[in-house]
PDB file of all heavy atoms in Angstrom:
ATOM      1  N   THR A   1       9.328  -2.866  -6.900  1.00  0.00           N
ATOM      2  CA  THR A   1       9.368  -2.258  -8.242  1.00  0.00           C
ATOM      3  C   THR A   1       8.747  -3.161  -9.335  1.00  0.00           C
ATOM      4  O   THR A   1       8.582  -2.708 -10.456  1.00  0.00           O
ATOM      5  CB  THR A   1      10.817  -1.919  -8.623  1.00  0.00           C
ATOM      6  OG1 THR A   1      11.602  -3.119  -8.627  1.00  0.00           O
ATOM      7  CG2 THR A   1      11.412  -0.900  -7.665  1.00  0.00           C
ATOM      8  N   LEU A   2       8.399  -4.393  -8.959  1.00  0.00           N
ATOM      9  CA  LEU A   2       7.691  -5.217  -9.928  1.00  0.00           C
ATOM     10  C   LEU A   2       6.302  -4.624 -10.242  1.00  0.00           C
ATOM     11  O   LEU A   2       5.724  -4.922 -11.287  1.00  0.00           O
ATOM     12  CB  LEU A   2       7.519  -6.659  -9.385  1.00  0.00           C
ATOM     13  CG  LEU A   2       8.767  -7.497  -9.438  1.00  0.00           C
ATOM     14  CD1 LEU A   2       8.506  -8.860  -8.764  1.00  0.00           C
ATOM     15  CD2 LEU A   2       9.258  -7.725 -10.855  1.00  0.00           C
ATOM     16  N   MET A   3       5.802  -3.763  -9.328  1.00  0.00           N
ATOM     17  CA  MET A   3       4.515  -3.065  -9.598  1.00  0.00           C
ATOM     18  C   MET A   3       4.625  -2.249 -10.882  1.00  0.00           C
ATOM     19  O   MET A   3       3.647  -2.052 -11.575  1.00  0.00           O
ATOM     20  CB  MET A   3       4.162  -2.169  -8.433  1.00  0.00           C
ATOM     21  CG  MET A   3       3.536  -2.864  -7.270  1.00  0.00           C
ATOM     22  SD  MET A   3       2.986  -1.682  -6.006  1.00  0.00           S
ATOM     23  CE  MET A   3       4.505  -1.389  -5.141  1.00  0.00           C
ATOM     24  N   LEU A   4       5.826  -1.754 -11.143  1.00  0.00           N
ATOM     25  CA  LEU A   4       6.027  -0.907 -12.325  1.00  0.00           C
ATOM     26  C   LEU A   4       6.212  -1.704 -13.591  1.00  0.00           C
ATOM     27  O   LEU A   4       6.331  -1.139 -14.676  1.00  0.00           O
ATOM     28  CB  LEU A   4       7.249  -0.034 -12.099  1.00  0.00           C
ATOM     29  CG  LEU A   4       7.233   0.809 -10.820  1.00  0.00           C
ATOM     30  CD1 LEU A   4       8.500   1.639 -10.695  1.00  0.00           C
ATOM     31  CD2 LEU A   4       6.007   1.714 -10.734  1.00  0.00           C
ATOM     32  N   GLN A   5       6.204  -3.023 -13.477  1.00  0.00           N
ATOM     33  CA  GLN A   5       6.439  -3.934 -14.613  1.00  0.00           C
ATOM     34  C   GLN A   5       5.159  -4.688 -14.987  1.00  0.00           C
ATOM     35  O   GLN A   5       5.185  -5.578 -15.856  1.00  0.00           O
ATOM     36  CB  GLN A   5       7.507  -4.936 -14.300  1.00  0.00           C
ATOM     37  CG  GLN A   5       8.817  -4.345 -13.780  1.00  0.00           C
ATOM     38  CD  GLN A   5       9.547  -3.541 -14.812  1.00  0.00           C
ATOM     39  OE1 GLN A   5       9.395  -3.740 -16.015  1.00  0.00           O
ATOM     40  NE2 GLN A   5      10.377  -2.608 -14.347  1.00  0.00           N
ATOM     41  N   TYR A   6       3.995  -4.360 -14.366  1.00  0.00           N
ATOM     42  CA  TYR A   6       2.781  -5.108 -14.606  1.00  0.00           C
ATOM     43  C   TYR A   6       2.433  -5.196 -16.064  1.00  0.00           C
ATOM     44  O   TYR A   6       2.084  -6.273 -16.592  1.00  0.00           O
ATOM     45  CB  TYR A   6       1.584  -4.508 -13.860  1.00  0.00           C
ATOM     46  CG  TYR A   6       1.599  -4.691 -12.361  1.00  0.00           C
ATOM     47  CD1 TYR A   6       0.869  -3.851 -11.534  1.00  0.00           C
ATOM     48  CD2 TYR A   6       2.298  -5.745 -11.761  1.00  0.00           C
ATOM     49  CE1 TYR A   6       0.856  -4.020 -10.179  1.00  0.00           C
ATOM     50  CE2 TYR A   6       2.291  -5.930 -10.384  1.00  0.00           C
ATOM     51  CZ  TYR A   6       1.538  -5.055  -9.599  1.00  0.00           C
ATOM     52  OH  TYR A   6       1.528  -5.221  -8.244  1.00  0.00           O
ATOM     53  N   GLU A   7       2.468  -4.076 -16.753  1.00  0.00           N
ATOM     54  CA  GLU A   7       2.049  -4.064 -18.172  1.00  0.00           C
ATOM     55  C   GLU A   7       2.874  -5.019 -19.019  1.00  0.00           C
ATOM     56  O   GLU A   7       2.301  -5.806 -19.800  1.00  0.00           O
ATOM     57  CB  GLU A   7       2.140  -2.642 -18.731  1.00  0.00           C
ATOM     58  CG  GLU A   7       1.616  -2.494 -20.137  1.00  0.00           C
ATOM     59  CD  GLU A   7       0.105  -2.727 -20.258  1.00  0.00           C
ATOM     60  OE1 GLU A   7      -0.605  -2.548 -19.238  1.00  0.00           O
ATOM     61  OE2 GLU A   7      -0.348  -3.088 -21.354  1.00  0.00           O
ATOM     62  N   GLU A   8       4.183  -4.963 -18.865  1.00  0.00           N
ATOM     63  CA  GLU A   8       5.032  -5.869 -19.636  1.00  0.00           C
ATOM     64  C   GLU A   8       4.831  -7.308 -19.269  1.00  0.00           C
ATOM     65  O   GLU A   8       4.821  -8.171 -20.090  1.00  0.00           O
ATOM     66  CB  GLU A   8       6.519  -5.450 -19.464  1.00  0.00           C
ATOM     67  CG  GLU A   8       7.393  -6.050 -20.493  1.00  0.00           C
ATOM     68  CD  GLU A   8       8.758  -5.393 -20.595  1.00  0.00           C
ATOM     69  OE1 GLU A   8       8.959  -4.339 -19.956  1.00  0.00           O
ATOM     70  OE2 GLU A   8       9.652  -5.957 -21.275  1.00  0.00           O
ATOM     71  N   LEU A   9       4.654  -7.563 -17.986  1.00  0.00           N
ATOM     72  CA  LEU A   9       4.436  -8.920 -17.509  1.00  0.00           C
ATOM     73  C   LEU A   9       3.087  -9.474 -18.020  1.00  0.00           C
ATOM     74  O   LEU A   9       2.955 -10.682 -18.278  1.00  0.00           O
ATOM     75  CB  LEU A   9       4.441  -8.977 -15.988  1.00  0.00           C
ATOM     76  CG  LEU A   9       5.847  -8.814 -15.327  1.00  0.00           C
ATOM     77  CD1 LEU A   9       5.692  -8.602 -13.839  1.00  0.00           C
ATOM     78  CD2 LEU A   9       6.733  -9.995 -15.612  1.00  0.00           C
ATOM     79  N   LEU A  10       2.119  -8.634 -18.182  1.00  0.00           N
ATOM     80  CA  LEU A  10       0.809  -9.027 -18.730  1.00  0.00           C
ATOM     81  C   LEU A  10       0.893  -9.329 -20.225  1.00  0.00           C
ATOM     82  O   LEU A  10       0.067 -10.100 -20.750  1.00  0.00           O
ATOM     83  CB  LEU A  10      -0.234  -7.931 -18.499  1.00  0.00           C
ATOM     84  CG  LEU A  10      -0.718  -7.782 -17.046  1.00  0.00           C
ATOM     85  CD1 LEU A  10      -1.553  -6.493 -16.896  1.00  0.00           C
ATOM     86  CD2 LEU A  10      -1.498  -8.997 -16.594  1.00  0.00           C
ATOM     87  N   HIS A  11       1.892  -8.813 -20.887  1.00  0.00           N
ATOM     88  CA  HIS A  11       2.060  -9.113 -22.328  1.00  0.00           C
ATOM     89  C   HIS A  11       2.880 -10.379 -22.541  1.00  0.00           C
ATOM     90  O   HIS A  11       2.991 -10.826 -23.675  1.00  0.00           O
ATOM     91  CB  HIS A  11       2.754  -7.943 -23.013  1.00  0.00           C
ATOM     92  CG  HIS A  11       1.832  -6.753 -23.263  1.00  0.00           C
ATOM     93  ND1 HIS A  11       0.780  -6.790 -24.120  1.00  0.00           N
ATOM     94  CD2 HIS A  11       1.840  -5.521 -22.725  1.00  0.00           C
ATOM     95  CE1 HIS A  11       0.163  -5.654 -24.102  1.00  0.00           C
ATOM     96  NE2 HIS A  11       0.780  -4.842 -23.275  1.00  0.00           N
ATOM     97  N   ASN A  12       3.426 -10.904 -21.485  1.00  0.00           N
ATOM     98  CA  ASN A  12       4.211 -12.151 -21.570  1.00  0.00           C
ATOM     99  C   ASN A  12       3.286 -13.359 -21.313  1.00  0.00           C
ATOM    100  O   ASN A  12       2.699 -13.447 -20.235  1.00  0.00           O
ATOM    101  CB  ASN A  12       5.332 -12.118 -20.543  1.00  0.00           C
ATOM    102  CG  ASN A  12       6.256 -13.341 -20.625  1.00  0.00           C
ATOM    103  OD1 ASN A  12       5.852 -14.449 -20.951  1.00  0.00           O
ATOM    104  ND2 ASN A  12       7.532 -13.095 -20.361  1.00  0.00           N
ATOM    105  N   PRO A  13       3.094 -14.267 -22.294  1.00  0.00           N
ATOM    106  CA  PRO A  13       2.176 -15.373 -22.067  1.00  0.00           C
ATOM    107  C   PRO A  13       2.508 -16.233 -20.856  1.00  0.00           C
ATOM    108  O   PRO A  13       1.598 -16.799 -20.222  1.00  0.00           O
ATOM    109  CB  PRO A  13       2.363 -16.202 -23.373  1.00  0.00           C
ATOM    110  CG  PRO A  13       2.833 -15.209 -24.379  1.00  0.00           C
ATOM    111  CD  PRO A  13       3.715 -14.249 -23.619  1.00  0.00           C
ATOM    112  N   ALA A  14       3.771 -16.267 -20.468  1.00  0.00           N
ATOM    113  CA  ALA A  14       4.185 -17.119 -19.310  1.00  0.00           C
ATOM    114  C   ALA A  14       3.744 -16.508 -17.985  1.00  0.00           C
ATOM    115  O   ALA A  14       3.475 -17.220 -17.058  1.00  0.00           O
ATOM    116  CB  ALA A  14       5.697 -17.291 -19.338  1.00  0.00           C
ATOM    117  N   THR A  15       3.706 -15.187 -17.932  1.00  0.00           N
ATOM    118  CA  THR A  15       3.432 -14.509 -16.660  1.00  0.00           C
ATOM    119  C   THR A  15       2.043 -13.829 -16.598  1.00  0.00           C
ATOM    120  O   THR A  15       1.649 -13.369 -15.526  1.00  0.00           O
ATOM    121  CB  THR A  15       4.509 -13.478 -16.326  1.00  0.00           C
ATOM    122  OG1 THR A  15       4.637 -12.557 -17.437  1.00  0.00           O
ATOM    123  CG2 THR A  15       5.841 -14.124 -16.055  1.00  0.00           C
ATOM    124  N   ARG A  16       1.366 -13.777 -17.716  1.00  0.00           N
ATOM    125  CA  ARG A  16       0.085 -13.053 -17.765  1.00  0.00           C
ATOM    126  C   ARG A  16      -0.934 -13.587 -16.730  1.00  0.00           C
ATOM    127  O   ARG A  16      -1.448 -12.812 -15.924  1.00  0.00           O
ATOM    128  CB  ARG A  16      -0.539 -13.158 -19.163  1.00  0.00           C
ATOM    129  CG  ARG A  16      -1.929 -12.501 -19.312  1.00  0.00           C
ATOM    130  CD  ARG A  16      -2.414 -12.580 -20.732  1.00  0.00           C
ATOM    131  NE  ARG A  16      -3.817 -12.144 -20.815  1.00  0.00           N
ATOM    132  CZ  ARG A  16      -4.167 -10.877 -20.842  1.00  0.00           C
ATOM    133  NH1 ARG A  16      -3.230  -9.926 -20.802  1.00  0.00           N
ATOM    134  NH2 ARG A  16      -5.421 -10.499 -20.925  1.00  0.00           N
ATOM    135  N   GLU A  17      -1.177 -14.877 -16.737  1.00  0.00           N
ATOM    136  CA  GLU A  17      -2.191 -15.436 -15.827  1.00  0.00           C
ATOM    137  C   GLU A  17      -1.801 -15.293 -14.348  1.00  0.00           C
ATOM    138  O   GLU A  17      -2.627 -14.886 -13.518  1.00  0.00           O
ATOM    139  CB  GLU A  17      -2.488 -16.882 -16.177  1.00  0.00           C
ATOM    140  CG  GLU A  17      -3.302 -17.044 -17.448  1.00  0.00           C
ATOM    141  CD  GLU A  17      -4.655 -16.316 -17.371  1.00  0.00           C
ATOM    142  OE1 GLU A  17      -5.293 -16.345 -16.283  1.00  0.00           O
ATOM    143  OE2 GLU A  17      -5.035 -15.740 -18.411  1.00  0.00           O
ATOM    144  N   PRO A  18      -0.539 -15.610 -13.977  1.00  0.00           N
ATOM    145  CA  PRO A  18      -0.163 -15.449 -12.567  1.00  0.00           C
ATOM    146  C   PRO A  18      -0.288 -14.021 -12.050  1.00  0.00           C
ATOM    147  O   PRO A  18      -0.723 -13.792 -10.930  1.00  0.00           O
ATOM    148  CB  PRO A  18       1.296 -15.944 -12.542  1.00  0.00           C
ATOM    149  CG  PRO A  18       1.441 -16.841 -13.688  1.00  0.00           C
ATOM    150  CD  PRO A  18       0.548 -16.279 -14.763  1.00  0.00           C
ATOM    151  N   VAL A  19       0.093 -13.065 -12.915  1.00  0.00           N
ATOM    152  CA  VAL A  19      -0.036 -11.647 -12.513  1.00  0.00           C
ATOM    153  C   VAL A  19      -1.477 -11.242 -12.399  1.00  0.00           C
ATOM    154  O   VAL A  19      -1.901 -10.614 -11.395  1.00  0.00           O
ATOM    155  CB  VAL A  19       0.704 -10.725 -13.529  1.00  0.00           C
ATOM    156  CG1 VAL A  19       0.389  -9.256 -13.253  1.00  0.00           C
ATOM    157  CG2 VAL A  19       2.202 -10.943 -13.446  1.00  0.00           C
ATOM    158  N   MET A  20      -2.306 -11.633 -13.373  1.00  0.00           N
ATOM    159  CA  MET A  20      -3.727 -11.286 -13.301  1.00  0.00           C
ATOM    160  C   MET A  20      -4.391 -11.880 -12.072  1.00  0.00           C
ATOM    161  O   MET A  20      -5.167 -11.198 -11.384  1.00  0.00           O
ATOM    162  CB  MET A  20      -4.425 -11.792 -14.576  1.00  0.00           C
ATOM    163  CG  MET A  20      -4.141 -10.981 -15.813  1.00  0.00           C
ATOM    164  SD  MET A  20      -5.049 -11.611 -17.272  1.00  0.00           S
ATOM    165  CE  MET A  20      -6.745 -11.332 -16.749  1.00  0.00           C
ATOM    166  N   GLU A  21      -4.087 -13.146 -11.767  1.00  0.00           N
ATOM    167  CA  GLU A  21      -4.684 -13.797 -10.609  1.00  0.00           C
ATOM    168  C   GLU A  21      -4.227 -13.148  -9.315  1.00  0.00           C
ATOM    169  O   GLU A  21      -5.051 -12.906  -8.420  1.00  0.00           O
ATOM    170  CB  GLU A  21      -4.331 -15.285 -10.644  1.00  0.00           C
ATOM    171  CG  GLU A  21      -4.961 -16.092  -9.488  1.00  0.00           C
ATOM    172  CD  GLU A  21      -6.451 -16.071  -9.472  1.00  0.00           C
ATOM    173  OE1 GLU A  21      -7.050 -15.830 -10.566  1.00  0.00           O
ATOM    174  OE2 GLU A  21      -7.072 -16.333  -8.414  1.00  0.00           O
ATOM    175  N   GLY A  22      -2.944 -12.866  -9.227  1.00  0.00           N
ATOM    176  CA  GLY A  22      -2.425 -12.239  -7.997  1.00  0.00           C
ATOM    177  C   GLY A  22      -3.013 -10.884  -7.739  1.00  0.00           C
ATOM    178  O   GLY A  22      -3.445 -10.560  -6.624  1.00  0.00           O
ATOM    179  N   MET A  23      -3.110 -10.054  -8.808  1.00  0.00           N
ATOM    180  CA  MET A  23      -3.689  -8.746  -8.645  1.00  0.00           C
ATOM    181  C   MET A  23      -5.176  -8.769  -8.410  1.00  0.00           C
ATOM    182  O   MET A  23      -5.711  -7.982  -7.649  1.00  0.00           O
ATOM    183  CB  MET A  23      -3.383  -7.897  -9.911  1.00  0.00           C
ATOM    184  CG  MET A  23      -1.915  -7.524 -10.067  1.00  0.00           C
ATOM    185  SD  MET A  23      -1.183  -6.839  -8.531  1.00  0.00           S
ATOM    186  CE  MET A  23      -2.273  -5.467  -8.208  1.00  0.00           C
ATOM    187  N   ARG A  24      -5.860  -9.727  -9.049  1.00  0.00           N
ATOM    188  CA  ARG A  24      -7.299  -9.889  -8.812  1.00  0.00           C
ATOM    189  C   ARG A  24      -7.557 -10.214  -7.340  1.00  0.00           C
ATOM    190  O   ARG A  24      -8.474  -9.648  -6.720  1.00  0.00           O
ATOM    191  CB  ARG A  24      -7.838 -10.963  -9.726  1.00  0.00           C
ATOM    192  CG  ARG A  24      -9.359 -11.154  -9.622  1.00  0.00           C
ATOM    193  CD  ARG A  24      -9.833 -12.314 -10.470  1.00  0.00           C
ATOM    194  NE  ARG A  24      -9.503 -12.164 -11.861  1.00  0.00           N
ATOM    195  CZ  ARG A  24      -8.668 -12.934 -12.566  1.00  0.00           C
ATOM    196  NH1 ARG A  24      -8.055 -13.914 -11.945  1.00  0.00           N
ATOM    197  NH2 ARG A  24      -8.480 -12.723 -13.843  1.00  0.00           N
ATOM    198  N   GLU A  25      -6.773 -11.114  -6.790  1.00  0.00           N
ATOM    199  CA  GLU A  25      -6.986 -11.521  -5.410  1.00  0.00           C
ATOM    200  C   GLU A  25      -6.718 -10.368  -4.455  1.00  0.00           C
ATOM    201  O   GLU A  25      -7.461 -10.159  -3.464  1.00  0.00           O
ATOM    202  CB  GLU A  25      -6.124 -12.725  -5.068  1.00  0.00           C
ATOM    203  CG  GLU A  25      -6.574 -14.018  -5.723  1.00  0.00           C
ATOM    204  CD  GLU A  25      -5.713 -15.199  -5.340  1.00  0.00           C
ATOM    205  OE1 GLU A  25      -4.708 -15.012  -4.622  1.00  0.00           O
ATOM    206  OE2 GLU A  25      -6.035 -16.327  -5.749  1.00  0.00           O
ATOM    207  N   ARG A  26      -5.678  -9.581  -4.675  1.00  0.00           N
ATOM    208  CA  ARG A  26      -5.357  -8.430  -3.851  1.00  0.00           C
ATOM    209  C   ARG A  26      -6.507  -7.412  -3.946  1.00  0.00           C
ATOM    210  O   ARG A  26      -6.990  -6.893  -2.932  1.00  0.00           O
ATOM    211  CB  ARG A  26      -4.048  -7.800  -4.241  1.00  0.00           C
ATOM    212  CG  ARG A  26      -2.815  -8.573  -3.859  1.00  0.00           C
ATOM    213  CD  ARG A  26      -1.545  -7.767  -4.142  1.00  0.00           C
ATOM    214  NE  ARG A  26      -0.386  -8.544  -3.758  1.00  0.00           N
ATOM    215  CZ  ARG A  26       0.869  -8.066  -3.822  1.00  0.00           C
ATOM    216  NH1 ARG A  26       1.070  -6.848  -4.246  1.00  0.00           N
ATOM    217  NH2 ARG A  26       1.887  -8.791  -3.433  1.00  0.00           N
ATOM    218  N   ARG A  27      -6.895  -7.078  -5.152  1.00  0.00           N
ATOM    219  CA  ARG A  27      -7.943  -6.089  -5.357  1.00  0.00           C
ATOM    220  C   ARG A  27      -9.250  -6.511  -4.711  1.00  0.00           C
ATOM    221  O   ARG A  27      -9.900  -5.749  -4.023  1.00  0.00           O
ATOM    222  CB  ARG A  27      -8.129  -5.855  -6.852  1.00  0.00           C
ATOM    223  CG  ARG A  27      -9.191  -4.794  -7.193  1.00  0.00           C
ATOM    224  CD  ARG A  27      -9.255  -4.588  -8.692  1.00  0.00           C
ATOM    225  NE  ARG A  27     -10.112  -3.455  -9.034  1.00  0.00           N
ATOM    226  CZ  ARG A  27     -11.326  -3.564  -9.534  1.00  0.00           C
ATOM    227  NH1 ARG A  27     -11.822  -4.779  -9.787  1.00  0.00           N
ATOM    228  NH2 ARG A  27     -12.048  -2.498  -9.815  1.00  0.00           N
ATOM    229  N   ASN A  28      -9.649  -7.742  -4.947  1.00  0.00           N
ATOM    230  CA  ASN A  28     -10.919  -8.261  -4.444  1.00  0.00           C
ATOM    231  C   ASN A  28     -10.936  -8.319  -2.905  1.00  0.00           C
ATOM    232  O   ASN A  28     -11.931  -7.957  -2.276  1.00  0.00           O
ATOM    233  CB  ASN A  28     -11.242  -9.617  -5.008  1.00  0.00           C
ATOM    234  CG  ASN A  28     -11.598  -9.607  -6.470  1.00  0.00           C
ATOM    235  OD1 ASN A  28     -11.744  -8.545  -7.061  1.00  0.00           O
ATOM    236  ND2 ASN A  28     -11.723 -10.760  -7.097  1.00  0.00           N
ATOM    237  N   TYR A  29      -9.841  -8.759  -2.340  1.00  0.00           N
ATOM    238  CA  TYR A  29      -9.810  -8.912  -0.886  1.00  0.00           C
ATOM    239  C   TYR A  29      -9.948  -7.571  -0.176  1.00  0.00           C
ATOM    240  O   TYR A  29     -10.728  -7.412   0.748  1.00  0.00           O
ATOM    241  CB  TYR A  29      -8.527  -9.634  -0.414  1.00  0.00           C
ATOM    242  CG  TYR A  29      -8.525  -9.831   1.086  1.00  0.00           C
ATOM    243  CD1 TYR A  29      -9.406 -10.732   1.683  1.00  0.00           C
ATOM    244  CD2 TYR A  29      -7.688  -9.115   1.899  1.00  0.00           C
ATOM    245  CE1 TYR A  29      -9.424 -10.887   3.068  1.00  0.00           C
ATOM    246  CE2 TYR A  29      -7.668  -9.250   3.261  1.00  0.00           C
ATOM    247  CZ  TYR A  29      -8.554 -10.168   3.839  1.00  0.00           C
ATOM    248  OH  TYR A  29      -8.594 -10.325   5.239  1.00  0.00           O
ATOM    249  N   LEU A  30      -9.144  -6.561  -0.641  1.00  0.00           N
ATOM    250  CA  LEU A  30      -9.237  -5.251   0.007  1.00  0.00           C
ATOM    251  C   LEU A  30     -10.602  -4.627  -0.281  1.00  0.00           C
ATOM    252  O   LEU A  30     -11.162  -3.934   0.600  1.00  0.00           O
ATOM    253  CB  LEU A  30      -8.118  -4.350  -0.511  1.00  0.00           C
ATOM    254  CG  LEU A  30      -7.917  -3.014   0.222  1.00  0.00           C
ATOM    255  CD1 LEU A  30      -7.768  -3.237   1.723  1.00  0.00           C
ATOM    256  CD2 LEU A  30      -6.747  -2.248  -0.327  1.00  0.00           C
ATOM    257  N   ALA A  31     -11.132  -4.841  -1.446  1.00  0.00           N
ATOM    258  CA  ALA A  31     -12.488  -4.333  -1.767  1.00  0.00           C
ATOM    259  C   ALA A  31     -13.515  -4.937  -0.824  1.00  0.00           C
ATOM    260  O   ALA A  31     -14.428  -4.221  -0.375  1.00  0.00           O
ATOM    261  CB  ALA A  31     -12.864  -4.656  -3.229  1.00  0.00           C
ATOM    262  N   GLU A  32     -13.377  -6.223  -0.502  1.00  0.00           N
ATOM    263  CA  GLU A  32     -14.323  -6.855   0.420  1.00  0.00           C
ATOM    264  C   GLU A  32     -14.197  -6.240   1.835  1.00  0.00           C
ATOM    265  O   GLU A  32     -15.221  -6.038   2.476  1.00  0.00           O
ATOM    266  CB  GLU A  32     -14.012  -8.348   0.507  1.00  0.00           C
ATOM    267  CG  GLU A  32     -14.418  -9.115  -0.759  1.00  0.00           C
ATOM    268  CD  GLU A  32     -13.890 -10.558  -0.730  1.00  0.00           C
ATOM    269  OE1 GLU A  32     -13.368 -10.964   0.325  1.00  0.00           O
ATOM    270  OE2 GLU A  32     -14.053 -11.266  -1.743  1.00  0.00           O
ATOM    271  N   LEU A  33     -13.004  -5.924   2.239  1.00  0.00           N
ATOM    272  CA  LEU A  33     -12.803  -5.297   3.554  1.00  0.00           C
ATOM    273  C   LEU A  33     -13.447  -3.907   3.566  1.00  0.00           C
ATOM    274  O   LEU A  33     -14.137  -3.535   4.538  1.00  0.00           O
ATOM    275  CB  LEU A  33     -11.314  -5.180   3.899  1.00  0.00           C
ATOM    276  CG  LEU A  33     -10.589  -6.471   4.239  1.00  0.00           C
ATOM    277  CD1 LEU A  33      -9.118  -6.150   4.521  1.00  0.00           C
ATOM    278  CD2 LEU A  33     -11.188  -7.160   5.484  1.00  0.00           C
ATOM    279  N   PHE A  34     -13.227  -3.140   2.491  1.00  0.00           N
ATOM    280  CA  PHE A  34     -13.819  -1.810   2.443  1.00  0.00           C
ATOM    281  C   PHE A  34     -15.363  -1.892   2.361  1.00  0.00           C
ATOM    282  O   PHE A  34     -16.039  -1.088   3.011  1.00  0.00           O
ATOM    283  CB  PHE A  34     -13.290  -1.042   1.245  1.00  0.00           C
ATOM    284  CG  PHE A  34     -12.036  -0.243   1.517  1.00  0.00           C
ATOM    285  CD1 PHE A  34     -10.864  -0.546   0.835  1.00  0.00           C
ATOM    286  CD2 PHE A  34     -12.028   0.747   2.455  1.00  0.00           C
ATOM    287  CE1 PHE A  34      -9.686   0.186   1.075  1.00  0.00           C
ATOM    288  CE2 PHE A  34     -10.862   1.487   2.687  1.00  0.00           C
ATOM    289  CZ  PHE A  34      -9.695   1.197   2.003  1.00  0.00           C
TER     290      PHE A  34
END
């Protein structure tokens, strides 16, 4: 259910970068496979 909290976590300076990096890595890796 943390997936449903991305927007709020991105507005928090403490969690913005870790969330962006984690999602970027997931998106990029699966995109590379496809």
